[in-house]
Amino acid sequence: MADTTDTTAAAAPRDADAGGRKPRSVRVVLLALMIAMMLAMLDNMIIGTAMPTIVGELGGLEHLSWVVTSYTLATAASTPLWGKLGDMYGRKGTFMSSIVLFLIGSALSGMAQDMGQLIGFRAIQGLGAGGLMVGVMAIIGDLIPPRERGKYQGMMAGVMALAMIGGPLVGGTITDNWGWRWAFYINLPLGVVALVAVSAVLHLPKKRAQARIDYLGAVLLTVGITAIVLVTTWGGTEYAWSSARIMELIGIGVAALVGFVFWQTRAAEPVLPLHIFRSRNFTLMSVIGFITGFVMFGATLFLPFYQQAVQGASATNSGLLLLPMLGAMLVTSMVAGRVTTNTGKYKIFPVLGSALMVVGLYLLSTMDTGTSRFTSGVFMAVVGLGMGCLMQITMLVAQNSVEMKDMGVASSSTTLFRTLGSSFGVAIMGALFNHRVQDVMAERAGALGSKVTEQSAQLDQASLAKLPEAAREAYQHAVAAGTHSAFLLGAAVAVLALAAAVFVKEVPLKGAGPKAAGDAGPEGPATARTPVAESV
């Protein structure tokens, strides 16, 4: 179906004043999009802090992991579907539907009376969250020409970093003062503000696709993604990697994804059109996005644990000690977006970002029991600089590599690959970490060491304080060894991102920069709305 030009989007570049400011309506929409992005990113960060209190009231400790897993599964499975629905039926209505679904899930989660209800309502919330991030990026793709898109997507990366920094602190404050239910209810006023702003100010054309939704493709993709996420979530924790359950899930996942790829070549309106992967840049950005997710979520999981177990930080302080990495990521993403907007060039950022990630992760792998907080902060900042160069540039280049009719699919696919990368990163780095910790504990503390870590290689502060001095010292060495192995693996994986970045072809970004905007005719930049799909 041919894409139609949105009047707001078309007006945005030509109505910009000499200072480069956007019309007020576009700025209001961008603010609403930032709120929606904050909702999607902040939720899991807040809930993580509130979980001990939730379990204390609702019980169901054995089902605790499903509160997070149900949300993650629903988000990952629905992400490509939201992108395709936006392409077929219009971005505005689809995005507003995802906000409403997220708010319904939030309200129901806050009213949950037992752990089973909370898990089910979190799944509803996750279904809505899958459309929030995709909708934000796709609407930016509609409103802003690619040449100017970098700085706005850099702002969105900044929102993500702020959510990662502030989430645990906000969650703790809300839980301590208002109760855990307000960790969900807090989404309601913010979501309503975003919903009203989008409804009143965003004017996108309504679409009506003639083709029917590819239900079979949607089911096969959902089954495949669900199986993958469950394998990475359960493998090595709930079930052994070689267990029958994990083997069954791997078989189901592979069969579903093979069937999905086969069916996408025949579907009239495929959920994930395979032709977008003919673009070298799109494929490379998918790979880089996967690896960025792999590294970022692995780092944010193991760094606080190292800081608590080895450096003696409290749970709250360990979150604050991530500031060097997240702050560097925030600043770099903003600078990368601004430079891309001013110059139209972007290849330097995937290459530089991947190289910095490799160096930073290798430096993190050298940490031991004597590493100071300042030194580890410097190492984290190097990783943050690398991730800041990659976070939104991958989305920008992916969107610039497809036609406008595939904007939603491109945005959702890039988001999905990053989500799957995070699942694999947490699972694989976690398995390596746990194995190394248990080995070192057995070597240094003998039978006592094996007994200490037989249930879990990750001890909380209370459990750590109860250990004898010798066992505690052995555990600190074991955690240092575990983080060494995990981050060394991360550095090796990041080398693949660097190799992919080298082969990125710098296709000019469409749309007017500051100079071109002044040269545009009465209809605005002719190419602003028609990014060219670059092929191999």
Protein backbone atom coordinates (compact mmCIF):
# COMPACT_ATOMS: atom_id res chain seq x y z
CA MET A 1 0.00 0.00 0.00
CA ALA A 2 1.38 3.38 -0.94
CA ASP A 3 2.31 5.62 1.94
CA THR A 4 0.67 9.01 2.16
CA THR A 5 2.36 12.16 3.37
CA ASP A 6 1.28 13.51 6.71
CA THR A 7 0.55 17.21 6.68
CA THR A 8 2.19 17.72 10.04
CA ALA A 9 5.26 15.85 8.95
CA ALA A 10 5.50 17.70 5.70
CA ALA A 11 5.12 21.00 7.46
CA ALA A 12 7.74 20.25 10.06
CA PRO A 13 10.82 20.95 7.96
CA ARG A 14 9.45 23.87 6.01
CA ASP A 15 7.93 25.63 9.03
CA ALA A 16 11.16 25.52 10.96
CA ASP A 17 12.40 28.98 11.77
CA ALA A 18 15.90 30.27 11.27
CA GLY A 19 16.92 28.92 14.63
CA GLY A 20 16.01 25.42 13.60
CA ARG A 21 13.06 25.18 15.99
CA LYS A 22 10.14 22.93 15.17
CA PRO A 23 6.50 24.04 15.14
CA ARG A 24 4.90 23.99 18.57
CA SER A 25 2.61 21.08 17.65
CA VAL A 26 5.56 18.90 16.69
CA ARG A 27 7.35 19.76 19.93
CA VAL A 28 4.24 18.75 21.90
CA VAL A 29 4.10 15.43 20.03
CA LEU A 30 7.78 14.81 20.72
CA LEU A 31 7.20 15.47 24.43
CA ALA A 32 4.34 12.95 24.40
CA LEU A 33 6.58 10.43 22.65
CA MET A 34 9.27 10.93 25.29
CA ILE A 35 6.69 10.23 28.03
CA ALA A 36 5.63 7.05 26.23
CA MET A 37 9.25 5.95 25.90
CA MET A 38 9.78 6.65 29.59
CA LEU A 39 6.75 4.50 30.48
CA ALA A 40 8.06 1.55 28.47
CA MET A 41 11.61 1.77 29.85
CA LEU A 42 10.85 2.78 33.44
CA ASP A 43 8.35 0.07 34.28
CA ASN A 44 10.67 -2.91 34.72
CA MET A 45 13.24 -0.77 36.55
CA ILE A 46 10.64 0.36 39.09
CA ILE A 47 9.13 -3.09 39.55
CA GLY A 48 12.52 -4.68 40.22
CA THR A 49 12.90 -2.58 43.37
CA ALA A 50 9.34 -3.25 44.49
CA MET A 51 9.41 -7.04 44.02
CA PRO A 52 10.47 -8.01 47.59
CA THR A 53 7.52 -6.03 48.97
CA ILE A 54 5.14 -7.50 46.40
CA VAL A 55 6.18 -11.05 47.29
CA GLY A 56 5.80 -10.26 50.98
CA GLU A 57 2.15 -9.24 50.46
CA LEU A 58 0.98 -11.56 47.69
CA GLY A 59 3.19 -14.61 48.37
CA GLY A 60 4.03 -16.90 45.45
CA LEU A 61 7.80 -16.63 45.72
CA GLU A 62 8.20 -19.66 43.43
CA HIS A 63 6.49 -17.71 40.62
CA LEU A 64 8.47 -14.52 41.16
CA SER A 65 10.45 -14.71 37.90
CA TRP A 66 7.23 -14.87 35.89
CA VAL A 67 6.29 -11.33 36.91
CA VAL A 68 9.19 -10.16 34.74
CA THR A 69 9.15 -13.01 32.21
CA SER A 70 5.47 -12.58 31.29
CA TYR A 71 6.05 -8.89 30.57
CA THR A 72 9.21 -9.57 28.55
CA LEU A 73 7.58 -12.36 26.54
CA ALA A 74 4.52 -10.29 25.68
CA THR A 75 6.66 -7.29 24.71
CA ALA A 76 8.99 -9.29 22.46
CA ALA A 77 6.18 -11.26 20.80
CA SER A 78 4.00 -8.21 20.10
CA THR A 79 6.74 -5.86 18.89
CA PRO A 80 6.76 -6.92 15.19
CA LEU A 81 2.96 -7.10 15.12
CA TRP A 82 2.55 -3.51 16.30
CA GLY A 83 5.01 -2.34 13.65
CA LYS A 84 3.13 -4.09 10.88
CA LEU A 85 -0.27 -2.90 12.08
CA GLY A 86 1.01 0.68 12.04
CA ASP A 87 2.20 0.29 8.48
CA MET A 88 -1.14 -1.20 7.39
CA TYR A 89 -3.74 0.80 9.32
CA GLY A 90 -2.03 4.02 10.33
CA ARG A 91 0.47 4.99 12.99
CA LYS A 92 -1.65 7.23 15.21
CA GLY A 93 -4.50 4.85 15.97
CA THR A 94 -2.15 1.93 16.48
CA PHE A 95 0.08 3.89 18.85
CA MET A 96 -2.86 5.17 20.88
CA SER A 97 -4.21 1.61 21.13
CA SER A 98 -0.88 0.44 22.55
CA ILE A 99 -0.94 3.24 25.16
CA VAL A 100 -4.51 2.33 26.20
CA LEU A 101 -3.60 -1.38 26.47
CA PHE A 102 -0.51 -0.52 28.54
CA LEU A 103 -2.57 1.64 30.90
CA ILE A 104 -5.23 -1.07 31.30
CA GLY A 105 -2.50 -3.56 32.16
CA SER A 106 -0.98 -1.08 34.63
CA ALA A 107 -4.29 -0.45 36.39
CA LEU A 108 -5.10 -4.17 36.61
CA SER A 109 -1.58 -4.97 37.87
CA GLY A 110 -2.01 -2.42 40.65
CA MET A 111 -5.27 -4.11 41.68
CA ALA A 112 -3.88 -7.69 41.58
CA GLN A 113 -4.87 -9.81 44.60
CA ASP A 114 -2.50 -12.73 44.08
CA MET A 115 0.63 -13.61 42.13
CA GLY A 116 -1.30 -15.38 39.36
CA GLN A 117 -3.36 -12.28 38.64
CA LEU A 118 -0.26 -10.08 38.69
CA ILE A 119 1.52 -12.32 36.16
CA GLY A 120 -1.49 -12.27 33.81
CA PHE A 121 -1.97 -8.51 34.09
CA ARG A 122 1.74 -7.94 33.52
CA ALA A 123 1.39 -9.84 30.25
CA ILE A 124 -1.37 -7.42 29.19
CA GLN A 125 0.90 -4.55 30.13
CA GLY A 126 3.73 -6.08 28.09
CA LEU A 127 1.50 -6.36 25.02
CA GLY A 128 0.96 -2.61 25.19
CA ALA A 129 4.64 -1.91 25.89
CA GLY A 130 5.59 -3.69 22.66
CA GLY A 131 3.74 -0.98 20.73
CA LEU A 132 5.07 1.96 22.76
CA MET A 133 8.72 1.80 21.70
CA VAL A 134 7.92 0.81 18.11
CA GLY A 135 5.32 3.55 17.84
CA VAL A 136 7.69 6.20 19.18
CA MET A 137 10.43 5.40 16.68
CA ALA A 138 8.08 4.95 13.73
CA ILE A 139 6.26 8.24 14.40
CA ILE A 140 9.58 10.05 14.62
CA GLY A 141 10.35 8.41 11.27
CA ASP A 142 7.11 9.90 9.89
CA LEU A 143 7.50 13.37 11.39
CA ILE A 144 11.21 14.05 11.01
CA PRO A 145 13.33 13.72 7.85
CA PRO A 146 16.24 11.26 8.30
CA ARG A 147 18.82 14.05 8.11
CA GLU A 148 17.33 15.68 11.22
CA ARG A 149 16.17 12.49 12.92
CA GLY A 150 19.45 11.76 14.71
CA LYS A 151 19.15 14.46 17.35
CA TYR A 152 15.60 13.46 18.25
CA GLN A 153 16.44 9.78 18.48
CA GLY A 154 19.43 10.84 20.58
CA MET A 155 16.94 12.49 22.94
CA MET A 156 15.04 9.20 23.14
CA ALA A 157 18.28 7.39 23.99
CA GLY A 158 18.74 9.97 26.74
CA VAL A 159 15.29 9.12 28.10
CA MET A 160 16.27 5.43 28.14
CA ALA A 161 19.44 6.23 30.09
CA LEU A 162 17.54 8.38 32.58
CA ALA A 163 15.03 5.56 33.09
CA MET A 164 17.83 3.11 33.81
CA ILE A 165 19.40 5.53 36.29
CA GLY A 166 16.25 6.75 38.02
CA GLY A 167 14.10 3.62 37.86
CA PRO A 168 15.45 1.83 40.95
CA LEU A 169 15.46 5.07 42.97
CA VAL A 170 11.90 5.97 41.94
CA GLY A 171 10.75 2.41 42.60
CA GLY A 172 12.22 2.40 46.08
CA THR A 173 10.76 5.81 46.93
CA ILE A 174 7.27 4.91 45.67
CA THR A 175 7.25 1.55 47.44
CA ASP A 176 8.46 2.97 50.75
CA ASN A 177 6.08 5.95 50.81
CA TRP A 178 2.96 5.00 48.83
CA GLY A 179 3.03 1.20 48.60
CA TRP A 180 3.97 -1.13 45.74
CA ARG A 181 0.65 -0.73 43.92
CA TRP A 182 1.59 2.84 43.07
CA ALA A 183 4.56 1.48 41.12
CA PHE A 184 1.86 0.57 38.57
CA TYR A 185 -0.63 3.38 39.21
CA ILE A 186 2.06 6.03 38.55
CA ASN A 187 1.83 5.07 34.86
CA LEU A 188 -1.79 6.22 34.62
CA PRO A 189 -1.45 10.03 34.84
CA LEU A 190 1.67 10.02 32.64
CA GLY A 191 -0.01 7.78 30.08
CA VAL A 192 -3.15 9.93 30.00
CA VAL A 193 -1.03 13.04 29.33
CA ALA A 194 0.72 11.27 26.45
CA LEU A 195 -2.61 9.97 25.11
CA VAL A 196 -4.29 13.39 25.17
CA ALA A 197 -1.31 15.12 23.55
CA VAL A 198 -1.05 12.54 20.76
CA SER A 199 -4.81 12.61 20.16
CA ALA A 200 -5.05 16.40 20.02
CA VAL A 201 -1.87 17.36 18.17
CA LEU A 202 -0.67 14.45 16.04
CA HIS A 203 -2.42 14.52 12.66
CA LEU A 204 -1.53 11.52 10.55
CA PRO A 205 -3.60 10.22 7.63
CA LYS A 206 -5.83 7.23 8.27
CA LYS A 207 -4.97 4.15 6.25
CA ARG A 208 -6.97 1.13 5.32
CA ALA A 209 -5.03 -1.78 3.92
CA GLN A 210 -6.77 -4.01 1.40
CA ALA A 211 -4.72 -7.07 2.36
CA ARG A 212 -5.68 -9.13 5.39
CA ILE A 213 -3.45 -9.52 8.42
CA ASP A 214 -1.02 -12.40 8.12
CA TYR A 215 -2.39 -14.39 11.05
CA LEU A 216 -0.38 -17.55 10.35
CA GLY A 217 2.86 -15.56 10.15
CA ALA A 218 1.98 -13.76 13.38
CA VAL A 219 1.33 -17.04 15.20
CA LEU A 220 4.53 -18.68 13.93
CA LEU A 221 6.64 -15.64 14.86
CA THR A 222 5.04 -15.40 18.31
CA VAL A 223 5.67 -19.09 19.01
CA GLY A 224 9.27 -18.82 17.80
CA ILE A 225 10.05 -15.71 19.86
CA THR A 226 8.32 -17.14 22.94
CA ALA A 227 10.37 -20.34 22.72
CA ILE A 228 13.63 -18.39 22.33
CA VAL A 229 12.93 -16.13 25.30
CA LEU A 230 11.90 -19.07 27.48
CA VAL A 231 15.08 -20.97 26.56
CA THR A 232 17.26 -18.00 27.48
CA THR A 233 15.23 -17.34 30.66
CA TRP A 234 14.97 -20.92 31.95
CA GLY A 235 18.21 -22.41 30.64
CA GLY A 236 20.69 -23.00 33.44
CA THR A 237 18.27 -21.75 36.13
CA GLU A 238 14.85 -23.44 36.13
CA TYR A 239 16.12 -26.30 33.96
CA ALA A 240 19.53 -27.63 32.96
CA TRP A 241 20.65 -26.65 29.47
CA SER A 242 20.61 -30.32 28.45
CA SER A 243 17.19 -31.05 29.96
CA ALA A 244 14.30 -32.39 27.91
CA ARG A 245 12.24 -29.22 28.48
CA ILE A 246 14.95 -26.93 27.08
CA MET A 247 15.53 -29.28 24.12
CA GLU A 248 11.80 -29.28 23.40
CA LEU A 249 11.66 -25.49 23.47
CA ILE A 250 14.68 -25.25 21.15
CA GLY A 251 13.01 -27.67 18.74
CA ILE A 252 9.71 -25.78 18.83
CA GLY A 253 11.47 -22.44 18.36
CA VAL A 254 13.57 -23.59 15.41
CA ALA A 255 10.60 -25.26 13.72
CA ALA A 256 8.38 -22.19 14.20
CA LEU A 257 10.99 -19.75 12.88
CA VAL A 258 11.85 -21.93 9.87
CA GLY A 259 8.14 -22.20 9.12
CA PHE A 260 7.78 -18.44 9.57
CA VAL A 261 10.55 -17.64 7.08
CA PHE A 262 9.04 -20.09 4.57
CA TRP A 263 5.58 -18.58 4.94
CA GLN A 264 6.79 -14.97 4.66
CA THR A 265 7.88 -15.67 1.07
CA ARG A 266 4.26 -16.56 0.21
CA ALA A 267 2.08 -14.32 2.40
CA ALA A 268 0.22 -11.49 0.65
CA GLU A 269 1.04 -9.01 3.45
CA PRO A 270 3.88 -10.59 5.47
CA VAL A 271 4.38 -9.60 9.10
CA LEU A 272 8.12 -9.21 8.45
CA PRO A 273 8.79 -8.65 4.74
CA LEU A 274 12.04 -10.45 3.98
CA HIS A 275 12.91 -8.00 1.22
CA ILE A 276 14.02 -5.44 3.82
CA PHE A 277 16.99 -7.71 4.60
CA ARG A 278 18.23 -7.22 1.04
CA SER A 279 19.49 -3.88 2.29
CA ARG A 280 23.04 -4.42 3.52
CA ASN A 281 22.77 -1.56 5.99
CA PHE A 282 19.51 -2.82 7.47
CA THR A 283 20.92 -6.29 7.99
CA LEU A 284 24.13 -4.93 9.52
CA MET A 285 22.16 -2.64 11.85
CA SER A 286 20.10 -5.63 12.98
CA VAL A 287 23.31 -7.48 13.86
CA ILE A 288 24.79 -4.45 15.65
CA GLY A 289 21.51 -3.85 17.52
CA PHE A 290 21.43 -7.48 18.67
CA ILE A 291 25.00 -7.23 19.98
CA THR A 292 24.32 -3.87 21.65
CA GLY A 293 21.40 -5.42 23.53
CA PHE A 294 23.57 -8.44 24.39
CA VAL A 295 26.27 -6.23 25.92
CA MET A 296 24.16 -3.49 27.52
CA PHE A 297 21.81 -5.64 29.56
CA GLY A 298 24.60 -8.04 30.50
CA ALA A 299 26.65 -5.12 31.80
CA THR A 300 23.78 -3.54 33.75
CA LEU A 301 23.07 -6.92 35.35
CA PHE A 302 26.59 -7.92 36.48
CA LEU A 303 28.15 -4.55 37.29
CA PRO A 304 25.86 -3.80 40.27
CA PHE A 305 26.39 -7.34 41.51
CA TYR A 306 30.18 -6.95 41.34
CA GLN A 307 29.93 -3.60 43.13
CA GLN A 308 27.86 -5.08 45.95
CA ALA A 309 29.76 -8.36 46.42
CA VAL A 310 33.34 -7.15 45.84
CA GLN A 311 33.38 -3.39 46.38
CA GLY A 312 30.93 -3.40 49.29
CA ALA A 313 28.33 -1.04 47.82
CA SER A 314 24.74 -1.07 49.01
CA ALA A 315 21.94 -2.00 46.61
CA THR A 316 20.98 1.67 46.16
CA ASN A 317 24.56 2.86 45.79
CA SER A 318 25.33 0.17 43.22
CA GLY A 319 22.65 1.69 41.01
CA LEU A 320 24.17 5.15 41.46
CA LEU A 321 27.63 3.74 40.70
CA LEU A 322 26.38 2.96 37.18
CA LEU A 323 26.18 6.71 36.54
CA PRO A 324 29.55 6.87 34.71
CA MET A 325 28.31 4.37 32.11
CA LEU A 326 24.78 5.71 31.78
CA GLY A 327 25.89 9.34 31.90
CA ALA A 328 28.47 8.76 29.16
CA MET A 329 25.81 6.96 27.12
CA LEU A 330 23.41 9.88 27.54
CA VAL A 331 25.92 12.55 26.51
CA THR A 332 27.33 10.59 23.59
CA SER A 333 23.92 9.72 22.16
CA MET A 334 22.97 13.40 22.18
CA VAL A 335 26.26 14.45 20.57
CA ALA A 336 26.05 11.68 17.95
CA GLY A 337 22.52 12.74 17.03
CA ARG A 338 23.52 16.40 16.73
CA VAL A 339 26.61 15.66 14.63
CA THR A 340 24.62 13.39 12.34
CA THR A 341 22.01 16.10 11.87
CA ASN A 342 24.62 18.77 11.08
CA THR A 343 26.80 16.69 8.75
CA GLY A 344 24.52 13.96 7.39
CA LYS A 345 27.32 11.45 8.04
CA TYR A 346 27.02 8.57 10.47
CA LYS A 347 29.36 5.68 9.65
CA ILE A 348 31.97 6.90 12.12
CA PHE A 349 29.59 6.25 15.03
CA PRO A 350 28.96 2.51 14.54
CA VAL A 351 32.69 1.97 13.98
CA LEU A 352 33.82 4.15 16.91
CA GLY A 353 31.05 2.88 19.19
CA SER A 354 31.84 -0.78 18.53
CA ALA A 355 35.56 -0.18 19.07
CA LEU A 356 34.91 1.60 22.38
CA MET A 357 32.64 -1.24 23.50
CA VAL A 358 35.37 -3.79 22.78
CA VAL A 359 37.96 -1.76 24.71
CA GLY A 360 35.62 -0.94 27.59
CA LEU A 361 34.44 -4.52 28.05
CA TYR A 362 38.01 -5.79 27.97
CA LEU A 363 38.93 -3.24 30.65
CA LEU A 364 35.98 -4.38 32.77
CA SER A 365 37.19 -7.96 32.41
CA THR A 366 40.46 -6.97 34.13
CA MET A 367 38.72 -5.96 37.38
CA ASP A 368 39.60 -7.96 40.48
CA THR A 369 39.07 -7.71 44.24
CA GLY A 370 41.47 -4.75 44.46
CA THR A 371 39.93 -2.57 41.74
CA SER A 372 38.82 0.81 43.08
CA ARG A 373 35.44 2.37 42.40
CA PHE A 374 37.13 5.20 40.49
CA THR A 375 38.92 2.78 38.18
CA SER A 376 35.81 0.71 37.53
CA GLY A 377 33.91 3.98 36.91
CA VAL A 378 36.40 4.96 34.20
CA PHE A 379 36.04 1.52 32.59
CA MET A 380 32.25 1.83 32.69
CA ALA A 381 32.41 5.28 31.10
CA VAL A 382 34.32 3.82 28.14
CA VAL A 383 31.56 1.23 27.63
CA GLY A 384 28.94 3.96 27.97
CA LEU A 385 30.63 6.07 25.31
CA GLY A 386 30.50 3.11 22.96
CA MET A 387 26.85 2.31 23.62
CA GLY A 388 25.91 5.97 23.24
CA CYS A 389 27.35 5.95 19.72
CA LEU A 390 25.22 2.91 18.82
CA MET A 391 21.91 3.16 20.66
CA GLN A 392 19.91 5.29 18.22
CA ILE A 393 22.23 5.39 15.21
CA THR A 394 21.25 1.76 14.58
CA MET A 395 17.57 2.77 14.45
CA LEU A 396 18.29 5.80 12.27
CA VAL A 397 20.30 3.87 9.68
CA ALA A 398 17.80 1.00 9.66
CA GLN A 399 14.94 3.43 8.96
CA ASN A 400 16.95 5.18 6.26
CA SER A 401 17.51 1.81 4.54
CA VAL A 402 13.85 1.01 3.81
CA GLU A 403 10.95 2.63 2.02
CA MET A 404 8.38 4.64 3.95
CA LYS A 405 5.77 1.89 3.64
CA ASP A 406 8.07 -0.38 5.71
CA MET A 407 8.94 2.21 8.38
CA GLY A 408 6.99 0.45 11.12
CA VAL A 409 8.38 -2.97 10.24
CA ALA A 410 11.94 -1.59 10.20
CA SER A 411 11.46 0.08 13.60
CA SER A 412 9.90 -3.01 15.16
CA SER A 413 12.51 -5.37 13.71
CA THR A 414 15.38 -3.29 15.05
CA THR A 415 13.72 -3.13 18.47
CA LEU A 416 13.05 -6.88 18.40
CA PHE A 417 16.67 -7.76 17.58
CA ARG A 418 17.87 -5.59 20.46
CA THR A 419 15.36 -7.27 22.80
CA LEU A 420 16.43 -10.75 21.70
CA GLY A 421 20.06 -9.72 22.10
CA SER A 422 19.40 -8.70 25.69
CA SER A 423 17.74 -12.08 26.39
CA PHE A 424 20.71 -13.96 24.96
CA GLY A 425 23.20 -11.69 26.73
CA VAL A 426 21.67 -12.14 30.16
CA ALA A 427 21.34 -15.92 29.64
CA ILE A 428 24.76 -16.69 28.14
CA MET A 429 26.79 -14.27 30.25
CA GLY A 430 24.80 -15.39 33.30
CA ALA A 431 25.51 -19.07 32.65
CA LEU A 432 29.22 -18.38 32.21
CA PHE A 433 29.26 -16.21 35.36
CA ASN A 434 27.48 -18.81 37.49
CA HIS A 435 29.71 -21.65 36.29
CA ARG A 436 32.88 -19.67 37.01
CA VAL A 437 31.72 -18.57 40.47
CA GLN A 438 30.86 -22.12 41.48
CA ASP A 439 34.22 -23.44 40.24
CA VAL A 440 36.24 -20.82 42.10
CA MET A 441 34.23 -21.29 45.29
CA ALA A 442 34.89 -25.03 45.15
CA GLU A 443 38.62 -24.38 44.63
CA ARG A 444 39.00 -21.79 47.41
CA ALA A 445 36.47 -22.93 50.01
CA GLY A 446 36.06 -26.63 49.31
CA ALA A 447 32.81 -28.31 50.35
CA LEU A 448 31.62 -25.16 52.16
CA GLY A 449 32.08 -23.13 48.98
CA SER A 450 30.08 -25.63 46.92
CA LYS A 451 27.30 -25.64 49.52
CA VAL A 452 27.15 -21.83 49.62
CA THR A 453 26.58 -21.51 45.86
CA GLU A 454 24.62 -24.69 45.13
CA GLN A 455 21.30 -22.81 45.15
CA SER A 456 22.49 -19.64 43.41
CA ALA A 457 25.80 -18.09 42.45
CA GLN A 458 24.36 -14.64 43.17
CA LEU A 459 24.06 -13.99 46.91
CA ASP A 460 22.29 -10.95 48.33
CA GLN A 461 23.77 -8.70 50.99
CA ALA A 462 22.04 -10.51 53.85
CA SER A 463 23.31 -13.93 52.77
CA LEU A 464 26.80 -12.57 52.18
CA ALA A 465 26.95 -11.06 55.68
CA LYS A 466 26.18 -14.45 57.27
CA LEU A 467 29.17 -16.19 55.66
CA PRO A 468 32.37 -16.92 57.62
CA GLU A 469 35.22 -14.54 56.82
CA ALA A 470 37.13 -17.12 54.76
CA ALA A 471 34.06 -18.05 52.74
CA ARG A 472 33.20 -14.37 52.17
CA GLU A 473 36.71 -13.65 50.88
CA ALA A 474 36.55 -16.71 48.62
CA TYR A 475 33.20 -15.51 47.31
CA GLN A 476 34.59 -12.08 46.45
CA HIS A 477 37.37 -13.70 44.42
CA ALA A 478 34.79 -15.97 42.76
CA VAL A 479 32.58 -13.02 41.75
CA ALA A 480 35.63 -11.17 40.36
CA ALA A 481 36.51 -14.27 38.33
CA GLY A 482 32.92 -14.60 37.15
CA THR A 483 32.72 -11.00 35.97
CA HIS A 484 36.09 -11.43 34.25
CA SER A 485 34.72 -14.33 32.18
CA ALA A 486 31.39 -12.61 31.45
CA PHE A 487 32.93 -9.34 30.28
CA LEU A 488 35.65 -11.09 28.30
CA LEU A 489 32.88 -12.91 26.43
CA GLY A 490 31.14 -9.56 25.94
CA ALA A 491 34.31 -8.07 24.45
CA ALA A 492 34.63 -11.01 22.04
CA VAL A 493 30.99 -10.62 20.93
CA ALA A 494 31.46 -6.85 20.51
CA VAL A 495 34.25 -7.58 18.00
CA LEU A 496 31.50 -8.94 15.73
CA ALA A 497 29.71 -5.58 15.96
CA LEU A 498 32.94 -3.83 14.98
CA ALA A 499 33.34 -6.14 11.98
CA ALA A 500 29.75 -5.43 10.93
CA ALA A 501 30.21 -1.66 11.35
CA VAL A 502 33.20 -1.63 9.01
CA PHE A 503 30.97 -2.87 6.16
CA VAL A 504 28.25 -0.22 6.68
CA LYS A 505 27.76 1.82 3.52
CA GLU A 506 27.25 5.50 4.21
CA VAL A 507 24.11 6.26 2.21
CA PRO A 508 23.21 9.98 2.38
CA LEU A 509 20.42 10.72 4.83
CA LYS A 510 17.38 12.17 3.15
CA GLY A 511 15.85 15.46 4.17
CA ALA A 512 17.11 18.93 4.72
CA GLY A 513 19.87 19.89 7.07
CA PRO A 514 20.22 23.54 8.02
CA LYS A 515 21.46 24.53 4.58
CA ALA A 516 19.08 22.42 2.58
CA ALA A 517 16.13 23.62 4.58
CA GLY A 518 16.70 27.10 3.35
CA ASP A 519 16.96 25.93 -0.23
CA ALA A 520 13.76 23.90 -0.14
CA GLY A 521 10.97 24.90 -2.43
CA PRO A 522 7.43 25.71 -1.36
CA GLU A 523 6.63 22.03 -0.98
CA GLY A 524 9.55 21.44 1.38
CA PRO A 525 12.42 19.02 0.76
CA ALA A 526 11.38 16.71 -2.03
CA THR A 527 13.24 13.76 -0.63
CA ALA A 528 12.37 14.23 3.03
CA ARG A 529 9.60 11.66 2.93
CA THR A 530 11.11 9.10 0.59
CA PRO A 531 14.20 7.45 2.01
CA VAL A 532 15.83 5.27 -0.59
CA ALA A 533 16.24 1.59 0.19
CA GLU A 534 19.95 0.80 -0.20
CA SER A 535 20.61 -2.71 -1.44
CA VAL A 536 23.61 -4.99 -1.45
